[in-house]
Amino acid sequence: MINREWDVGDNMSKCEECDADISIPSDALEGEIVTCPECGASFELAKGSDGFDLKPAQTVGEDWGQ
C-alpha cells in the first residue's frame, strides 16, 4: 500500500462507505491505493472519464495452505 503526504493541489473524491472527502494527488497512478481518513476503507484508483474513479480495493486474505 502506498501512503503519501498529499499536496495542496490534490483532487478530491468521496468515500463510498462514509461520504468523507478523500484526497487524490495530482501525480497519482492507476492502481494506486488510497485510504479514507475517516473510516479507513481502502480504494484502488481506476482511470475514469474525468480523472480517477474509486473502486473498493481487493483484500488479500491469509493463505494457510488449504
PDB file of N, CA and C in Angstrom:
ATOM      1  N   MET A   1       0.849  -1.175   0.000  1.00  0.00           N
ATOM      2  CA  MET A   1       0.000   0.000   0.000  1.00  0.00           C
ATOM      3  C   MET A   1       0.890   1.233   0.000  1.00  0.00           C
ATOM      4  N   ILE A   2       0.485   2.245  -0.716  1.00  0.00           N
ATOM      5  CA  ILE A   2       1.259   3.480  -0.817  1.00  0.00           C
ATOM      6  C   ILE A   2       0.599   4.537   0.048  1.00  0.00           C
ATOM      7  N   ASN A   3       1.356   5.086   0.968  1.00  0.00           N
ATOM      8  CA  ASN A   3       0.870   6.201   1.775  1.00  0.00           C
ATOM      9  C   ASN A   3       1.653   7.433   1.377  1.00  0.00           C
ATOM     10  N   ARG A   4       0.996   8.559   1.252  1.00  0.00           N
ATOM     11  CA  ARG A   4       1.642   9.799   0.846  1.00  0.00           C
ATOM     12  C   ARG A   4       1.149  10.951   1.680  1.00  0.00           C
ATOM     13  N   GLU A   5       1.965  11.986   1.746  1.00  0.00           N
ATOM     14  CA  GLU A   5       1.511  13.273   2.246  1.00  0.00           C
ATOM     15  C   GLU A   5       0.959  14.000   1.033  1.00  0.00           C
ATOM     16  N   TRP A   6      -0.299  14.405   1.065  1.00  0.00           N
ATOM     17  CA  TRP A   6      -0.952  14.997  -0.101  1.00  0.00           C
ATOM     18  C   TRP A   6      -0.593  16.469  -0.250  1.00  0.00           C
ATOM     19  N   ASP A   7      -0.468  16.907  -1.481  1.00  0.00           N
ATOM     20  CA  ASP A   7      -0.164  18.299  -1.808  1.00  0.00           C
ATOM     21  C   ASP A   7      -1.441  19.125  -1.841  1.00  0.00           C
ATOM     22  N   VAL A   8      -1.269  20.447  -1.794  1.00  0.00           N
ATOM     23  CA  VAL A   8      -2.410  21.363  -1.785  1.00  0.00           C
ATOM     24  C   VAL A   8      -3.228  21.255  -3.069  1.00  0.00           C
ATOM     25  N   GLY A   9      -2.605  20.954  -4.219  1.00  0.00           N
ATOM     26  CA  GLY A   9      -3.306  20.903  -5.495  1.00  0.00           C
ATOM     27  C   GLY A   9      -4.002  19.593  -5.787  1.00  0.00           C
ATOM     28  N   ASP A  10      -4.232  18.772  -4.786  1.00  0.00           N
ATOM     29  CA  ASP A  10      -4.830  17.460  -4.985  1.00  0.00           C
ATOM     30  C   ASP A  10      -6.306  17.552  -5.376  1.00  0.00           C
ATOM     31  N   ASN A  11      -6.783  16.505  -6.051  1.00  0.00           N
ATOM     32  CA  ASN A  11      -8.201  16.364  -6.372  1.00  0.00           C
ATOM     33  C   ASN A  11      -8.877  15.654  -5.209  1.00  0.00           C
ATOM     34  N   MET A  12     -10.174  15.870  -5.087  1.00  0.00           N
ATOM     35  CA  MET A  12     -10.920  15.242  -4.004  1.00  0.00           C
ATOM     36  C   MET A  12     -11.960  14.292  -4.595  1.00  0.00           C
ATOM     37  N   SER A  13     -12.245  13.236  -3.842  1.00  0.00           N
ATOM     38  CA  SER A  13     -13.286  12.297  -4.204  1.00  0.00           C
ATOM     39  C   SER A  13     -14.021  11.933  -2.918  1.00  0.00           C
ATOM     40  N   LYS A  14     -15.192  11.351  -3.032  1.00  0.00           N
ATOM     41  CA  LYS A  14     -15.989  10.984  -1.861  1.00  0.00           C
ATOM     42  C   LYS A  14     -15.851   9.497  -1.565  1.00  0.00           C
ATOM     43  N   CYS A  15     -15.707   9.176  -0.299  1.00  0.00           N
ATOM     44  CA  CYS A  15     -15.656   7.787   0.151  1.00  0.00           C
ATOM     45  C   CYS A  15     -17.021   7.145  -0.066  1.00  0.00           C
ATOM     46  N   GLU A  16     -17.043   5.945  -0.651  1.00  0.00           N
ATOM     47  CA  GLU A  16     -18.299   5.242  -0.884  1.00  0.00           C
ATOM     48  C   GLU A  16     -18.882   4.679   0.408  1.00  0.00           C
ATOM     49  N   GLU A  17     -18.058   4.530   1.433  1.00  0.00           N
ATOM     50  CA  GLU A  17     -18.512   3.948   2.698  1.00  0.00           C
ATOM     51  C   GLU A  17     -19.128   4.999   3.628  1.00  0.00           C
ATOM     52  N   CYS A  18     -18.420   6.137   3.807  1.00  0.00           N
ATOM     53  CA  CYS A  18     -18.865   7.112   4.820  1.00  0.00           C
ATOM     54  C   CYS A  18     -19.077   8.519   4.265  1.00  0.00           C
ATOM     55  N   ASP A  19     -18.841   8.726   2.966  1.00  0.00           N
ATOM     56  CA  ASP A  19     -19.049  10.002   2.291  1.00  0.00           C
ATOM     57  C   ASP A  19     -18.041  11.084   2.688  1.00  0.00           C
ATOM     58  N   ALA A  20     -16.926  10.702   3.314  1.00  0.00           N
ATOM     59  CA  ALA A  20     -15.874  11.663   3.656  1.00  0.00           C
ATOM     60  C   ALA A  20     -15.070  12.012   2.403  1.00  0.00           C
ATOM     61  N   ASP A  21     -14.375  13.139   2.445  1.00  0.00           N
ATOM     62  CA  ASP A  21     -13.503  13.538   1.342  1.00  0.00           C
ATOM     63  C   ASP A  21     -12.213  12.734   1.376  1.00  0.00           C
ATOM     64  N   ILE A  22     -11.817  12.217   0.205  1.00  0.00           N
ATOM     65  CA  ILE A  22     -10.548  11.514   0.053  1.00  0.00           C
ATOM     66  C   ILE A  22      -9.718  12.309  -0.941  1.00  0.00           C
ATOM     67  N   SER A  23      -8.495  12.629  -0.557  1.00  0.00           N
ATOM     68  CA  SER A  23      -7.599  13.395  -1.405  1.00  0.00           C
ATOM     69  C   SER A  23      -6.885  12.470  -2.388  1.00  0.00           C
ATOM     70  N   ILE A  24      -6.913  12.845  -3.668  1.00  0.00           N
ATOM     71  CA  ILE A  24      -6.206  12.100  -4.711  1.00  0.00           C
ATOM     72  C   ILE A  24      -5.114  13.015  -5.259  1.00  0.00           C
ATOM     73  N   PRO A  25      -3.843  12.644  -5.080  1.00  0.00           N
ATOM     74  CA  PRO A  25      -2.752  13.518  -5.502  1.00  0.00           C
ATOM     75  C   PRO A  25      -2.718  13.717  -7.017  1.00  0.00           C
ATOM     76  N   SER A  26      -2.218  14.851  -7.438  1.00  0.00           N
ATOM     77  CA  SER A  26      -2.177  15.182  -8.865  1.00  0.00           C
ATOM     78  C   SER A  26      -1.261  14.243  -9.643  1.00  0.00           C
ATOM     79  N   ASP A  27      -0.293  13.598  -8.964  1.00  0.00           N
ATOM     80  CA  ASP A  27       0.626  12.683  -9.643  1.00  0.00           C
ATOM     81  C   ASP A  27       0.260  11.218  -9.398  1.00  0.00           C
ATOM     82  N   ALA A  28      -1.008  10.952  -9.024  1.00  0.00           N
ATOM     83  CA  ALA A  28      -1.459   9.591  -8.743  1.00  0.00           C
ATOM     84  C   ALA A  28      -1.395   8.724 -10.001  1.00  0.00           C
ATOM     85  N   LEU A  29      -1.207   7.433  -9.783  1.00  0.00           N
ATOM     86  CA  LEU A  29      -1.151   6.470 -10.872  1.00  0.00           C
ATOM     87  C   LEU A  29      -2.296   5.472 -10.748  1.00  0.00           C
ATOM     88  N   GLU A  30      -2.759   4.981 -11.894  1.00  0.00           N
ATOM     89  CA  GLU A  30      -3.811   3.968 -11.884  1.00  0.00           C
ATOM     90  C   GLU A  30      -3.322   2.751 -11.111  1.00  0.00           C
ATOM     91  N   GLY A  31      -4.182   2.204 -10.267  1.00  0.00           N
ATOM     92  CA  GLY A  31      -3.825   1.041  -9.469  1.00  0.00           C
ATOM     93  C   GLY A  31      -3.321   1.386  -8.081  1.00  0.00           C
ATOM     94  N   GLU A  32      -3.044   2.654  -7.846  1.00  0.00           N
ATOM     95  CA  GLU A  32      -2.583   3.101  -6.535  1.00  0.00           C
ATOM     96  C   GLU A  32      -3.724   2.972  -5.527  1.00  0.00           C
ATOM     97  N   ILE A  33      -3.374   2.698  -4.270  1.00  0.00           N
ATOM     98  CA  ILE A  33      -4.369   2.541  -3.211  1.00  0.00           C
ATOM     99  C   ILE A  33      -4.419   3.807  -2.375  1.00  0.00           C
ATOM    100  N   VAL A  34      -5.642   4.307  -2.141  1.00  0.00           N
ATOM    101  CA  VAL A  34      -5.842   5.435  -1.235  1.00  0.00           C
ATOM    102  C   VAL A  34      -6.761   4.958  -0.108  1.00  0.00           C
ATOM    103  N   THR A  35      -6.593   5.544   1.060  1.00  0.00           N
ATOM    104  CA  THR A  35      -7.361   5.144   2.232  1.00  0.00           C
ATOM    105  C   THR A  35      -8.164   6.319   2.757  1.00  0.00           C
ATOM    106  N   CYS A  36      -9.409   6.071   3.119  1.00  0.00           N
ATOM    107  CA  CYS A  36     -10.269   7.102   3.681  1.00  0.00           C
ATOM    108  C   CYS A  36      -9.739   7.498   5.056  1.00  0.00           C
ATOM    109  N   PRO A  37      -9.551   8.788   5.291  1.00  0.00           N
ATOM    110  CA  PRO A  37      -9.045   9.233   6.586  1.00  0.00           C
ATOM    111  C   PRO A  37     -10.066   9.082   7.716  1.00  0.00           C
ATOM    112  N   GLU A  38     -11.340   8.934   7.378  1.00  0.00           N
ATOM    113  CA  GLU A  38     -12.391   8.837   8.394  1.00  0.00           C
ATOM    114  C   GLU A  38     -12.682   7.396   8.813  1.00  0.00           C
ATOM    115  N   CYS A  39     -12.960   6.515   7.836  1.00  0.00           N
ATOM    116  CA  CYS A  39     -13.380   5.151   8.177  1.00  0.00           C
ATOM    117  C   CYS A  39     -12.310   4.098   7.907  1.00  0.00           C
ATOM    118  N   GLY A  40     -11.241   4.468   7.192  1.00  0.00           N
ATOM    119  CA  GLY A  40     -10.152   3.529   6.933  1.00  0.00           C
ATOM    120  C   GLY A  40     -10.372   2.610   5.746  1.00  0.00           C
ATOM    121  N   ALA A  41     -11.461   2.791   5.000  1.00  0.00           N
ATOM    122  CA  ALA A  41     -11.717   1.961   3.819  1.00  0.00           C
ATOM    123  C   ALA A  41     -10.642   2.230   2.766  1.00  0.00           C
ATOM    124  N   SER A  42     -10.207   1.178   2.068  1.00  0.00           N
ATOM    125  CA  SER A  42      -9.182   1.303   1.033  1.00  0.00           C
ATOM    126  C   SER A  42      -9.818   1.210  -0.342  1.00  0.00           C
ATOM    127  N   PHE A  43      -9.342   2.060  -1.238  1.00  0.00           N
ATOM    128  CA  PHE A  43      -9.856   2.106  -2.601  1.00  0.00           C
ATOM    129  C   PHE A  43      -8.704   2.113  -3.588  1.00  0.00           C
ATOM    130  N   GLU A  44      -8.928   1.460  -4.723  1.00  0.00           N
ATOM    131  CA  GLU A  44      -7.961   1.445  -5.808  1.00  0.00           C
ATOM    132  C   GLU A  44      -8.349   2.518  -6.814  1.00  0.00           C
ATOM    133  N   LEU A  45      -7.368   3.263  -7.295  1.00  0.00           N
ATOM    134  CA  LEU A  45      -7.629   4.283  -8.302  1.00  0.00           C
ATOM    135  C   LEU A  45      -7.750   3.628  -9.669  1.00  0.00           C
ATOM    136  N   ALA A  46      -8.841   3.909 -10.353  1.00  0.00           N
ATOM    137  CA  ALA A  46      -9.077   3.399 -11.698  1.00  0.00           C
ATOM    138  C   ALA A  46      -9.346   4.584 -12.613  1.00  0.00           C
ATOM    139  N   LYS A  47      -8.779   4.545 -13.816  1.00  0.00           N
ATOM    140  CA  LYS A  47      -8.994   5.634 -14.772  1.00  0.00           C
ATOM    141  C   LYS A  47     -10.470   5.761 -15.093  1.00  0.00           C
ATOM    142  N   GLY A  48     -10.961   6.989 -14.987  1.00  0.00           N
ATOM    143  CA  GLY A  48     -12.342   7.274 -15.341  1.00  0.00           C
ATOM    144  C   GLY A  48     -12.378   8.311 -16.442  1.00  0.00           C
ATOM    145  N   SER A  49     -13.549   8.684 -16.875  1.00  0.00           N
ATOM    146  CA  SER A  49     -13.679   9.667 -17.951  1.00  0.00           C
ATOM    147  C   SER A  49     -13.234  11.052 -17.503  1.00  0.00           C
ATOM    148  N   ASP A  50     -13.302  11.311 -16.202  1.00  0.00           N
ATOM    149  CA  ASP A  50     -12.921  12.623 -15.678  1.00  0.00           C
ATOM    150  C   ASP A  50     -11.944  12.438 -14.515  1.00  0.00           C
ATOM    151  N   GLY A  51     -10.749  11.938 -14.812  1.00  0.00           N
ATOM    152  CA  GLY A  51      -9.755  11.708 -13.762  1.00  0.00           C
ATOM    153  C   GLY A  51      -9.796  10.266 -13.293  1.00  0.00           C
ATOM    154  N   PHE A  52      -9.883  10.085 -11.973  1.00  0.00           N
ATOM    155  CA  PHE A  52      -9.885   8.749 -11.398  1.00  0.00           C
ATOM    156  C   PHE A  52     -11.225   8.428 -10.749  1.00  0.00           C
ATOM    157  N   ASP A  53     -11.604   7.163 -10.824  1.00  0.00           N
ATOM    158  CA  ASP A  53     -12.739   6.629 -10.089  1.00  0.00           C
ATOM    159  C   ASP A  53     -12.176   5.795  -8.947  1.00  0.00           C
ATOM    160  N   LEU A  54     -12.922   5.702  -7.852  1.00  0.00           N
ATOM    161  CA  LEU A  54     -12.515   4.861  -6.732  1.00  0.00           C
ATOM    162  C   LEU A  54     -13.279   3.552  -6.809  1.00  0.00           C
ATOM    163  N   LYS A  55     -12.553   2.444  -6.713  1.00  0.00           N
ATOM    164  CA  LYS A  55     -13.224   1.148  -6.619  1.00  0.00           C
ATOM    165  C   LYS A  55     -12.679   0.449  -5.380  1.00  0.00           C
ATOM    166  N   PRO A  56     -13.519  -0.311  -4.688  1.00  0.00           N
ATOM    167  CA  PRO A  56     -13.054  -0.970  -3.467  1.00  0.00           C
ATOM    168  C   PRO A  56     -11.806  -1.808  -3.741  1.00  0.00           C
ATOM    169  N   ALA A  57     -10.809  -1.648  -2.883  1.00  0.00           N
ATOM    170  CA  ALA A  57      -9.558  -2.381  -3.048  1.00  0.00           C
ATOM    171  C   ALA A  57      -9.763  -3.855  -2.725  1.00  0.00           C
ATOM    172  N   GLN A  58      -9.102  -4.713  -3.473  1.00  0.00           N
ATOM    173  CA  GLN A  58      -9.147  -6.146  -3.198  1.00  0.00           C
ATOM    174  C   GLN A  58      -8.405  -6.429  -1.902  1.00  0.00           C
ATOM    175  N   THR A  59      -9.021  -7.167  -1.020  1.00  0.00           N
ATOM    176  CA  THR A  59      -8.339  -7.566   0.202  1.00  0.00           C
ATOM    177  C   THR A  59      -7.820  -8.965   0.024  1.00  0.00           C
ATOM    178  N   VAL A  60      -6.575  -9.149   0.401  1.00  0.00           N
ATOM    179  CA  VAL A  60      -5.939 -10.448   0.270  1.00  0.00           C
ATOM    180  C   VAL A  60      -5.967 -11.118   1.636  1.00  0.00           C
ATOM    181  N   GLY A  61      -6.646 -12.243   1.705  1.00  0.00           N
ATOM    182  CA  GLY A  61      -6.740 -12.974   2.964  1.00  0.00           C
ATOM    183  C   GLY A  61      -5.525 -13.857   3.180  1.00  0.00           C
ATOM    184  N   GLU A  62      -5.428 -14.403   4.367  1.00  0.00           N
ATOM    185  CA  GLU A  62      -4.340 -15.307   4.683  1.00  0.00           C
ATOM    186  C   GLU A  62      -4.508 -16.610   3.906  1.00  0.00           C
ATOM    187  N   ASP A  63      -3.405 -17.149   3.426  1.00  0.00           N
ATOM    188  CA  ASP A  63      -3.409 -18.444   2.746  1.00  0.00           C
ATOM    189  C   ASP A  63      -2.719 -19.433   3.675  1.00  0.00           C
ATOM    190  N   TRP A  64      -3.504 -20.265   4.294  1.00  0.00           N
ATOM    191  CA  TRP A  64      -2.965 -21.232   5.252  1.00  0.00           C
ATOM    192  C   TRP A  64      -2.690 -22.574   4.597  1.00  0.00           C
ATOM    193  N   GLY A  65      -2.530 -22.587   3.273  1.00  0.00           N
ATOM    194  CA  GLY A  65      -2.213 -23.814   2.558  1.00  0.00           C
ATOM    195  C   GLY A  65      -3.402 -24.760   2.413  1.00  0.00           C
ATOM    196  N   GLN A  66      -4.576 -24.224   2.465  1.00  0.00           N
ATOM    197  CA  GLN A  66      -5.769 -25.060   2.374  1.00  0.00           C
ATOM    198  C   GLN A  66      -6.301 -25.070   0.975  1.00  0.00           C
TER     199      GLN A  66
END
